[in-house]
Full PDB file with SEQRES, HELIX, SHEET, SSBOND, CRYST1, ORIGX, SCALE, CONECT and MASTER records, all heavy atoms in Angstrom:
SEQRES   1 A   34  ASP ARG ALA GLY GLU PRO MET PRO GLU PHE PHE ARG LYS          
SEQRES   2 A   34  ASP LEU GLY PHE GLY ASN SER ALA ASP VAL ALA GLY LEU          
SEQRES   3 A   34  ILE ALA TYR LEU ALA SER ASP ASP                              
HELIX    1 AA1 GLU A    9  GLU A    9  1                                   1    
HELIX    2 AA2 PHE A   10  ASP A   14  3                                   5    
HELIX    3 AA3 ALA A   21  ALA A   31  1                                  11    
CRYST1    1.000    1.000    1.000  90.00  90.00  90.00 P 1           1          
ORIGX1      1.000000  0.000000  0.000000        0.00000                         
ORIGX2      0.000000  1.000000  0.000000        0.00000                         
ORIGX3      0.000000  0.000000  1.000000        0.00000                         
SCALE1      1.000000  0.000000  0.000000        0.00000                         
SCALE2      0.000000  1.000000  0.000000        0.00000                         
SCALE3      0.000000  0.000000  1.000000        0.00000                         
ATOM      1  N   ASP A   1       2.610 -10.446  -5.564  1.00  0.00           N  
ATOM      2  CA  ASP A   1       2.700  -9.115  -6.179  1.00  0.00           C  
ATOM      3  C   ASP A   1       3.242  -9.196  -7.596  1.00  0.00           C  
ATOM      4  O   ASP A   1       2.747  -8.536  -8.501  1.00  0.00           O  
ATOM      5  CB  ASP A   1       3.557  -8.224  -5.308  1.00  0.00           C  
ATOM      6  CG  ASP A   1       3.454  -6.754  -5.692  1.00  0.00           C  
ATOM      7  OD1 ASP A   1       2.318  -6.244  -5.818  1.00  0.00           O  
ATOM      8  OD2 ASP A   1       4.507  -6.090  -5.851  1.00  0.00           O  
ATOM      9  N   ARG A   2       4.264 -10.030  -7.776  1.00  0.00           N  
ATOM     10  CA  ARG A   2       4.836 -10.200  -9.121  1.00  0.00           C  
ATOM     11  C   ARG A   2       3.809 -10.763 -10.115  1.00  0.00           C  
ATOM     12  O   ARG A   2       3.839 -10.454 -11.294  1.00  0.00           O  
ATOM     13  CB  ARG A   2       6.049 -11.147  -9.048  1.00  0.00           C  
ATOM     14  CG  ARG A   2       7.321 -10.500  -8.524  1.00  0.00           C  
ATOM     15  CD  ARG A   2       8.401 -11.526  -8.437  1.00  0.00           C  
ATOM     16  NE  ARG A   2       9.691 -10.946  -8.034  1.00  0.00           N  
ATOM     17  CZ  ARG A   2      10.751 -11.664  -7.716  1.00  0.00           C  
ATOM     18  NH1 ARG A   2      10.670 -12.993  -7.697  1.00  0.00           N  
ATOM     19  NH2 ARG A   2      11.876 -11.077  -7.362  1.00  0.00           N  
ATOM     20  N   ALA A   3       2.944 -11.647  -9.597  1.00  0.00           N  
ATOM     21  CA  ALA A   3       1.938 -12.257 -10.455  1.00  0.00           C  
ATOM     22  C   ALA A   3       0.718 -11.389 -10.667  1.00  0.00           C  
ATOM     23  O   ALA A   3      -0.236 -11.777 -11.369  1.00  0.00           O  
ATOM     24  CB  ALA A   3       1.522 -13.597  -9.842  1.00  0.00           C  
ATOM     25  N   GLY A   4       0.740 -10.192 -10.086  1.00  0.00           N  
ATOM     26  CA  GLY A   4      -0.398  -9.282 -10.203  1.00  0.00           C  
ATOM     27  C   GLY A   4      -1.595  -9.705  -9.386  1.00  0.00           C  
ATOM     28  O   GLY A   4      -2.740  -9.288  -9.654  1.00  0.00           O  
ATOM     29  N   GLU A   5      -1.342 -10.512  -8.373  1.00  0.00           N  
ATOM     30  CA  GLU A   5      -2.398 -10.997  -7.503  1.00  0.00           C  
ATOM     31  C   GLU A   5      -2.367 -10.273  -6.156  1.00  0.00           C  
ATOM     32  O   GLU A   5      -1.307  -9.755  -5.766  1.00  0.00           O  
ATOM     33  CB  GLU A   5      -2.241 -12.508  -7.256  1.00  0.00           C  
ATOM     34  CG  GLU A   5      -2.304 -13.334  -8.517  1.00  0.00           C  
ATOM     35  CD  GLU A   5      -1.905 -14.785  -8.278  1.00  0.00           C  
ATOM     36  OE1 GLU A   5      -1.528 -15.095  -7.122  1.00  0.00           O  
ATOM     37  OE2 GLU A   5      -1.991 -15.585  -9.235  1.00  0.00           O  
ATOM     38  N   PRO A   6      -3.491 -10.219  -5.430  1.00  0.00           N  
ATOM     39  CA  PRO A   6      -3.490  -9.589  -4.110  1.00  0.00           C  
ATOM     40  C   PRO A   6      -2.529 -10.315  -3.149  1.00  0.00           C  
ATOM     41  O   PRO A   6      -2.480 -11.569  -3.162  1.00  0.00           O  
ATOM     42  CB  PRO A   6      -4.942  -9.707  -3.644  1.00  0.00           C  
ATOM     43  CG  PRO A   6      -5.732  -9.942  -4.893  1.00  0.00           C  
ATOM     44  CD  PRO A   6      -4.828 -10.692  -5.812  1.00  0.00           C  
ATOM     45  N   MET A   7      -1.821  -9.593  -2.348  1.00  0.00           N  
ATOM     46  CA  MET A   7      -1.016 -10.222  -1.321  1.00  0.00           C  
ATOM     47  C   MET A   7      -1.885 -10.869  -0.266  1.00  0.00           C  
ATOM     48  O   MET A   7      -3.002 -10.381   0.003  1.00  0.00           O  
ATOM     49  CB  MET A   7      -0.110  -9.183  -0.640  1.00  0.00           C  
ATOM     50  CG  MET A   7       1.023  -8.680  -1.495  1.00  0.00           C  
ATOM     51  SD  MET A   7       2.113  -7.580  -0.528  1.00  0.00           S  
ATOM     52  CE  MET A   7       3.259  -7.061  -1.816  1.00  0.00           C  
ATOM     53  N   PRO A   8      -1.427 -11.962   0.338  1.00  0.00           N  
ATOM     54  CA  PRO A   8      -2.216 -12.596   1.405  1.00  0.00           C  
ATOM     55  C   PRO A   8      -2.568 -11.588   2.511  1.00  0.00           C  
ATOM     56  O   PRO A   8      -1.771 -10.701   2.823  1.00  0.00           O  
ATOM     57  CB  PRO A   8      -1.297 -13.699   1.926  1.00  0.00           C  
ATOM     58  CG  PRO A   8      -0.423 -14.022   0.754  1.00  0.00           C  
ATOM     59  CD  PRO A   8      -0.183 -12.725   0.042  1.00  0.00           C  
ATOM     60  N   GLU A   9      -3.736 -11.780   3.090  1.00  0.00           N  
ATOM     61  CA  GLU A   9      -4.206 -10.842   4.118  1.00  0.00           C  
ATOM     62  C   GLU A   9      -3.263 -10.729   5.295  1.00  0.00           C  
ATOM     63  O   GLU A   9      -3.117  -9.670   5.889  1.00  0.00           O  
ATOM     64  CB  GLU A   9      -5.605 -11.308   4.606  1.00  0.00           C  
ATOM     65  CG  GLU A   9      -6.267 -10.303   5.563  1.00  0.00           C  
ATOM     66  CD  GLU A   9      -7.702 -10.684   5.848  1.00  0.00           C  
ATOM     67  OE1 GLU A   9      -8.539 -10.576   4.947  1.00  0.00           O  
ATOM     68  OE2 GLU A   9      -7.948 -11.077   7.008  1.00  0.00           O  
ATOM     69  N   PHE A  10      -2.580 -11.829   5.645  1.00  0.00           N  
ATOM     70  CA  PHE A  10      -1.619 -11.783   6.754  1.00  0.00           C  
ATOM     71  C   PHE A  10      -0.602 -10.662   6.555  1.00  0.00           C  
ATOM     72  O   PHE A  10      -0.266  -9.923   7.495  1.00  0.00           O  
ATOM     73  CB  PHE A  10      -0.894 -13.141   6.863  1.00  0.00           C  
ATOM     74  CG  PHE A  10       0.267 -13.139   7.816  1.00  0.00           C  
ATOM     75  CD1 PHE A  10       0.063 -13.263   9.195  1.00  0.00           C  
ATOM     76  CD2 PHE A  10       1.563 -12.977   7.375  1.00  0.00           C  
ATOM     77  CE1 PHE A  10       1.131 -13.238  10.087  1.00  0.00           C  
ATOM     78  CE2 PHE A  10       2.644 -12.959   8.251  1.00  0.00           C  
ATOM     79  CZ  PHE A  10       2.413 -13.086   9.601  1.00  0.00           C  
ATOM     80  N   PHE A  11      -0.082 -10.530   5.339  1.00  0.00           N  
ATOM     81  CA  PHE A  11       0.920  -9.502   5.073  1.00  0.00           C  
ATOM     82  C   PHE A  11       0.280  -8.115   5.061  1.00  0.00           C  
ATOM     83  O   PHE A  11       0.822  -7.182   5.683  1.00  0.00           O  
ATOM     84  CB  PHE A  11       1.613  -9.781   3.727  1.00  0.00           C  
ATOM     85  CG  PHE A  11       2.488 -10.980   3.733  1.00  0.00           C  
ATOM     86  CD1 PHE A  11       2.034 -12.177   3.237  1.00  0.00           C  
ATOM     87  CD2 PHE A  11       3.761 -10.937   4.288  1.00  0.00           C  
ATOM     88  CE1 PHE A  11       2.817 -13.318   3.262  1.00  0.00           C  
ATOM     89  CE2 PHE A  11       4.572 -12.053   4.299  1.00  0.00           C  
ATOM     90  CZ  PHE A  11       4.096 -13.267   3.786  1.00  0.00           C  
ATOM     91  N   ARG A  12      -0.832  -7.969   4.393  1.00  0.00           N  
ATOM     92  CA  ARG A  12      -1.427  -6.636   4.230  1.00  0.00           C  
ATOM     93  C   ARG A  12      -1.995  -6.100   5.568  1.00  0.00           C  
ATOM     94  O   ARG A  12      -1.908  -4.902   5.815  1.00  0.00           O  
ATOM     95  CB  ARG A  12      -2.556  -6.677   3.180  1.00  0.00           C  
ATOM     96  CG  ARG A  12      -2.010  -6.914   1.760  1.00  0.00           C  
ATOM     97  CD  ARG A  12      -3.089  -6.639   0.722  1.00  0.00           C  
ATOM     98  NE  ARG A  12      -3.559  -5.262   0.789  1.00  0.00           N  
ATOM     99  CZ  ARG A  12      -2.947  -4.237   0.221  1.00  0.00           C  
ATOM    100  NH1 ARG A  12      -1.824  -4.403  -0.467  1.00  0.00           N  
ATOM    101  NH2 ARG A  12      -3.450  -3.002   0.318  1.00  0.00           N  
ATOM    102  N   LYS A  13      -2.534  -6.977   6.383  1.00  0.00           N  
ATOM    103  CA  LYS A  13      -3.182  -6.501   7.619  1.00  0.00           C  
ATOM    104  C   LYS A  13      -2.280  -6.694   8.835  1.00  0.00           C  
ATOM    105  O   LYS A  13      -1.971  -5.752   9.542  1.00  0.00           O  
ATOM    106  CB  LYS A  13      -4.534  -7.210   7.817  1.00  0.00           C  
ATOM    107  CG  LYS A  13      -5.573  -6.822   6.759  1.00  0.00           C  
ATOM    108  CD  LYS A  13      -6.939  -7.340   7.121  1.00  0.00           C  
ATOM    109  CE  LYS A  13      -7.963  -6.965   6.063  1.00  0.00           C  
ATOM    110  NZ  LYS A  13      -8.139  -5.521   5.944  1.00  0.00           N  
ATOM    111  N   ASP A  14      -1.840  -7.929   9.087  1.00  0.00           N  
ATOM    112  CA  ASP A  14      -1.089  -8.190  10.293  1.00  0.00           C  
ATOM    113  C   ASP A  14       0.279  -7.480  10.292  1.00  0.00           C  
ATOM    114  O   ASP A  14       0.710  -6.956  11.302  1.00  0.00           O  
ATOM    115  CB  ASP A  14      -0.851  -9.712  10.474  1.00  0.00           C  
ATOM    116  CG  ASP A  14      -2.127 -10.473  10.724  1.00  0.00           C  
ATOM    117  OD1 ASP A  14      -3.135 -10.201  10.033  1.00  0.00           O  
ATOM    118  OD2 ASP A  14      -2.146 -11.348  11.620  1.00  0.00           O  
ATOM    119  N   LEU A  15       0.920  -7.452   9.112  1.00  0.00           N  
ATOM    120  CA  LEU A  15       2.241  -6.824   9.020  1.00  0.00           C  
ATOM    121  C   LEU A  15       2.178  -5.406   8.456  1.00  0.00           C  
ATOM    122  O   LEU A  15       3.160  -4.648   8.562  1.00  0.00           O  
ATOM    123  CB  LEU A  15       3.137  -7.654   8.110  1.00  0.00           C  
ATOM    124  CG  LEU A  15       3.568  -9.015   8.602  1.00  0.00           C  
ATOM    125  CD1 LEU A  15       4.517  -9.652   7.589  1.00  0.00           C  
ATOM    126  CD2 LEU A  15       4.256  -8.937   9.950  1.00  0.00           C  
ATOM    127  N   GLY A  16       1.062  -5.016   7.852  1.00  0.00           N  
ATOM    128  CA  GLY A  16       1.012  -3.720   7.184  1.00  0.00           C  
ATOM    129  C   GLY A  16       2.017  -3.632   6.050  1.00  0.00           C  
ATOM    130  O   GLY A  16       2.662  -2.634   5.848  1.00  0.00           O  
ATOM    131  N   PHE A  17       2.121  -4.745   5.288  1.00  0.00           N  
ATOM    132  CA  PHE A  17       3.112  -4.871   4.219  1.00  0.00           C  
ATOM    133  C   PHE A  17       2.388  -4.948   2.896  1.00  0.00           C  
ATOM    134  O   PHE A  17       1.488  -5.781   2.727  1.00  0.00           O  
ATOM    135  CB  PHE A  17       3.949  -6.129   4.468  1.00  0.00           C  
ATOM    136  CG  PHE A  17       5.017  -6.388   3.423  1.00  0.00           C  
ATOM    137  CD1 PHE A  17       6.267  -5.831   3.530  1.00  0.00           C  
ATOM    138  CD2 PHE A  17       4.757  -7.211   2.325  1.00  0.00           C  
ATOM    139  CE1 PHE A  17       7.249  -6.080   2.571  1.00  0.00           C  
ATOM    140  CE2 PHE A  17       5.711  -7.481   1.372  1.00  0.00           C  
ATOM    141  CZ  PHE A  17       6.983  -6.911   1.485  1.00  0.00           C  
ATOM    142  N   GLY A  18       2.752  -4.106   1.968  1.00  0.00           N  
ATOM    143  CA  GLY A  18       2.084  -4.111   0.661  1.00  0.00           C  
ATOM    144  C   GLY A  18       3.044  -3.764  -0.461  1.00  0.00           C  
ATOM    145  O   GLY A  18       4.219  -4.104  -0.396  1.00  0.00           O  
ATOM    146  N   ASN A  19       2.530  -3.067  -1.456  1.00  0.00           N  
ATOM    147  CA  ASN A  19       3.378  -2.643  -2.570  1.00  0.00           C  
ATOM    148  C   ASN A  19       3.507  -1.128  -2.599  1.00  0.00           C  
ATOM    149  O   ASN A  19       2.965  -0.429  -1.736  1.00  0.00           O  
ATOM    150  CB  ASN A  19       2.837  -3.174  -3.898  1.00  0.00           C  
ATOM    151  CG  ASN A  19       1.405  -2.768  -4.159  1.00  0.00           C  
ATOM    152  OD1 ASN A  19       0.965  -1.685  -3.750  1.00  0.00           O  
ATOM    153  ND2 ASN A  19       0.652  -3.606  -4.842  1.00  0.00           N  
ATOM    154  N   SER A  20       4.215  -0.616  -3.587  1.00  0.00           N  
ATOM    155  CA  SER A  20       4.514   0.803  -3.596  1.00  0.00           C  
ATOM    156  C   SER A  20       3.280   1.675  -3.698  1.00  0.00           C  
ATOM    157  O   SER A  20       3.222   2.779  -3.146  1.00  0.00           O  
ATOM    158  CB  SER A  20       5.484   1.113  -4.733  1.00  0.00           C  
ATOM    159  OG  SER A  20       4.951   0.641  -5.969  1.00  0.00           O  
ATOM    160  N   ALA A  21       2.266   1.174  -4.414  1.00  0.00           N  
ATOM    161  CA  ALA A  21       1.031   1.979  -4.564  1.00  0.00           C  
ATOM    162  C   ALA A  21       0.346   2.216  -3.227  1.00  0.00           C  
ATOM    163  O   ALA A  21      -0.375   3.208  -3.070  1.00  0.00           O  
ATOM    164  CB  ALA A  21       0.093   1.275  -5.549  1.00  0.00           C  
ATOM    165  N   ASP A  22       0.545   1.299  -2.272  1.00  0.00           N  
ATOM    166  CA  ASP A  22      -0.099   1.442  -0.956  1.00  0.00           C  
ATOM    167  C   ASP A  22       0.505   2.600  -0.158  1.00  0.00           C  
ATOM    168  O   ASP A  22      -0.129   3.079   0.774  1.00  0.00           O  
ATOM    169  CB  ASP A  22       0.057   0.143  -0.155  1.00  0.00           C  
ATOM    170  CG  ASP A  22      -0.675  -1.010  -0.782  1.00  0.00           C  
ATOM    171  OD1 ASP A  22      -1.820  -0.833  -1.236  1.00  0.00           O  
ATOM    172  OD2 ASP A  22      -0.105  -2.126  -0.882  1.00  0.00           O  
ATOM    173  N   VAL A  23       1.682   3.026  -0.522  1.00  0.00           N  
ATOM    174  CA  VAL A  23       2.348   4.124   0.193  1.00  0.00           C  
ATOM    175  C   VAL A  23       2.146   5.446  -0.557  1.00  0.00           C  
ATOM    176  O   VAL A  23       2.046   6.501   0.034  1.00  0.00           O  
ATOM    177  CB  VAL A  23       3.858   3.844   0.334  1.00  0.00           C  
ATOM    178  CG1 VAL A  23       4.549   4.959   1.158  1.00  0.00           C  
ATOM    179  CG2 VAL A  23       4.111   2.489   0.963  1.00  0.00           C  
ATOM    180  N   ALA A  24       2.035   5.352  -1.886  1.00  0.00           N  
ATOM    181  CA  ALA A  24       1.997   6.564  -2.709  1.00  0.00           C  
ATOM    182  C   ALA A  24       0.814   7.471  -2.413  1.00  0.00           C  
ATOM    183  O   ALA A  24       0.921   8.705  -2.510  1.00  0.00           O  
ATOM    184  CB  ALA A  24       1.956   6.170  -4.195  1.00  0.00           C  
ATOM    185  N   GLY A  25      -0.307   6.906  -2.020  1.00  0.00           N  
ATOM    186  CA  GLY A  25      -1.466   7.738  -1.708  1.00  0.00           C  
ATOM    187  C   GLY A  25      -1.201   8.677  -0.536  1.00  0.00           C  
ATOM    188  O   GLY A  25      -1.649   9.819  -0.546  1.00  0.00           O  
ATOM    189  N   LEU A  26      -0.479   8.209   0.459  1.00  0.00           N  
ATOM    190  CA  LEU A  26      -0.125   9.042   1.622  1.00  0.00           C  
ATOM    191  C   LEU A  26       0.799  10.183   1.202  1.00  0.00           C  
ATOM    192  O   LEU A  26       0.662  11.297   1.674  1.00  0.00           O  
ATOM    193  CB  LEU A  26       0.515   8.208   2.724  1.00  0.00           C  
ATOM    194  CG  LEU A  26       1.012   8.960   3.963  1.00  0.00           C  
ATOM    195  CD1 LEU A  26      -0.148   9.713   4.635  1.00  0.00           C  
ATOM    196  CD2 LEU A  26       1.688   8.000   4.925  1.00  0.00           C  
ATOM    197  N   ILE A  27       1.726   9.888   0.307  1.00  0.00           N  
ATOM    198  CA  ILE A  27       2.640  10.928  -0.181  1.00  0.00           C  
ATOM    199  C   ILE A  27       1.823  12.058  -0.829  1.00  0.00           C  
ATOM    200  O   ILE A  27       2.031  13.241  -0.547  1.00  0.00           O  
ATOM    201  CB  ILE A  27       3.643  10.339  -1.209  1.00  0.00           C  
ATOM    202  CG1 ILE A  27       4.509   9.251  -0.567  1.00  0.00           C  
ATOM    203  CG2 ILE A  27       4.484  11.448  -1.838  1.00  0.00           C  
ATOM    204  CD1 ILE A  27       5.485   9.740   0.454  1.00  0.00           C  
ATOM    205  N   ALA A  28       0.897  11.681  -1.710  1.00  0.00           N  
ATOM    206  CA  ALA A  28       0.109  12.662  -2.413  1.00  0.00           C  
ATOM    207  C   ALA A  28      -0.791  13.438  -1.434  1.00  0.00           C  
ATOM    208  O   ALA A  28      -0.993  14.663  -1.584  1.00  0.00           O  
ATOM    209  CB  ALA A  28      -0.722  12.033  -3.496  1.00  0.00           C  
ATOM    210  N   TYR A  29      -1.345  12.761  -0.455  1.00  0.00           N  
ATOM    211  CA  TYR A  29      -2.216  13.421   0.515  1.00  0.00           C  
ATOM    212  C   TYR A  29      -1.447  14.465   1.308  1.00  0.00           C  
ATOM    213  O   TYR A  29      -1.894  15.605   1.478  1.00  0.00           O  
ATOM    214  CB  TYR A  29      -2.869  12.408   1.454  1.00  0.00           C  
ATOM    215  CG  TYR A  29      -3.675  13.080   2.535  1.00  0.00           C  
ATOM    216  CD1 TYR A  29      -4.917  13.668   2.234  1.00  0.00           C  
ATOM    217  CD2 TYR A  29      -3.182  13.226   3.840  1.00  0.00           C  
ATOM    218  CE1 TYR A  29      -5.633  14.315   3.229  1.00  0.00           C  
ATOM    219  CE2 TYR A  29      -3.899  13.876   4.822  1.00  0.00           C  
ATOM    220  CZ  TYR A  29      -5.135  14.425   4.502  1.00  0.00           C  
ATOM    221  OH  TYR A  29      -5.846  15.104   5.473  1.00  0.00           O  
ATOM    222  N   LEU A  30      -0.283  14.108   1.799  1.00  0.00           N  
ATOM    223  CA  LEU A  30       0.538  15.037   2.574  1.00  0.00           C  
ATOM    224  C   LEU A  30       1.001  16.228   1.728  1.00  0.00           C  
ATOM    225  O   LEU A  30       1.328  17.296   2.261  1.00  0.00           O  
ATOM    226  CB  LEU A  30       1.724  14.329   3.198  1.00  0.00           C  
ATOM    227  CG  LEU A  30       1.409  13.341   4.326  1.00  0.00           C  
ATOM    228  CD1 LEU A  30       2.665  12.608   4.755  1.00  0.00           C  
ATOM    229  CD2 LEU A  30       0.767  14.047   5.511  1.00  0.00           C  
ATOM    230  N   ALA A  31       1.033  16.044   0.395  1.00  0.00           N  
ATOM    231  CA  ALA A  31       1.446  17.119  -0.507  1.00  0.00           C  
ATOM    232  C   ALA A  31       0.281  18.055  -0.792  1.00  0.00           C  
ATOM    233  O   ALA A  31       0.501  19.132  -1.370  1.00  0.00           O  
ATOM    234  CB  ALA A  31       1.968  16.523  -1.805  1.00  0.00           C  
ATOM    235  N   SER A  32      -0.916  17.682  -0.429  1.00  0.00           N  
ATOM    236  CA  SER A  32      -2.104  18.464  -0.824  1.00  0.00           C  
ATOM    237  C   SER A  32      -2.450  19.549   0.192  1.00  0.00           C  
ATOM    238  O   SER A  32      -1.954  19.569   1.313  1.00  0.00           O  
ATOM    239  CB  SER A  32      -3.295  17.510  -0.956  1.00  0.00           C  
ATOM    240  OG  SER A  32      -3.737  17.048   0.321  1.00  0.00           O  
ATOM    241  N   ASP A  33      -3.361  20.419  -0.217  1.00  0.00           N  
ATOM    242  CA  ASP A  33      -3.855  21.479   0.662  1.00  0.00           C  
ATOM    243  C   ASP A  33      -4.613  20.900   1.854  1.00  0.00           C  
ATOM    244  O   ASP A  33      -4.699  21.531   2.907  1.00  0.00           O  
ATOM    245  CB  ASP A  33      -4.733  22.456  -0.109  1.00  0.00           C  
ATOM    246  CG  ASP A  33      -3.967  23.257  -1.138  1.00  0.00           C  
ATOM    247  OD1 ASP A  33      -2.730  23.352  -1.038  1.00  0.00           O  
ATOM    248  OD2 ASP A  33      -4.613  23.810  -2.080  1.00  0.00           O  
ATOM    249  N   ASP A  34      -5.185  19.719   1.676  1.00  0.00           N  
ATOM    250  CA  ASP A  34      -5.937  19.080   2.777  1.00  0.00           C  
ATOM    251  C   ASP A  34      -5.052  18.812   3.992  1.00  0.00           C  
ATOM    252  O   ASP A  34      -5.556  18.686   5.106  1.00  0.00           O  
ATOM    253  CB  ASP A  34      -6.524  17.758   2.290  1.00  0.00           C  
ATOM    254  CG  ASP A  34      -7.620  17.932   1.265  1.00  0.00           C  
ATOM    255  OD1 ASP A  34      -8.296  18.979   1.283  1.00  0.00           O  
ATOM    256  OD2 ASP A  34      -7.793  17.032   0.420  1.00  0.00           O  
TER     257      ASP A  34                                                      
MASTER        0    0    0    3    0    0    0    6  256    1    0    3          
END                                                                             
């Protein structure tokens, strides 16, 4: 993540671990009329 590279799939899929942008979309969605 520091190097601006994709995190290994093990972290993103098996652990559901990512960066802040991966969470921010849910925040905005829950804030919306949808």
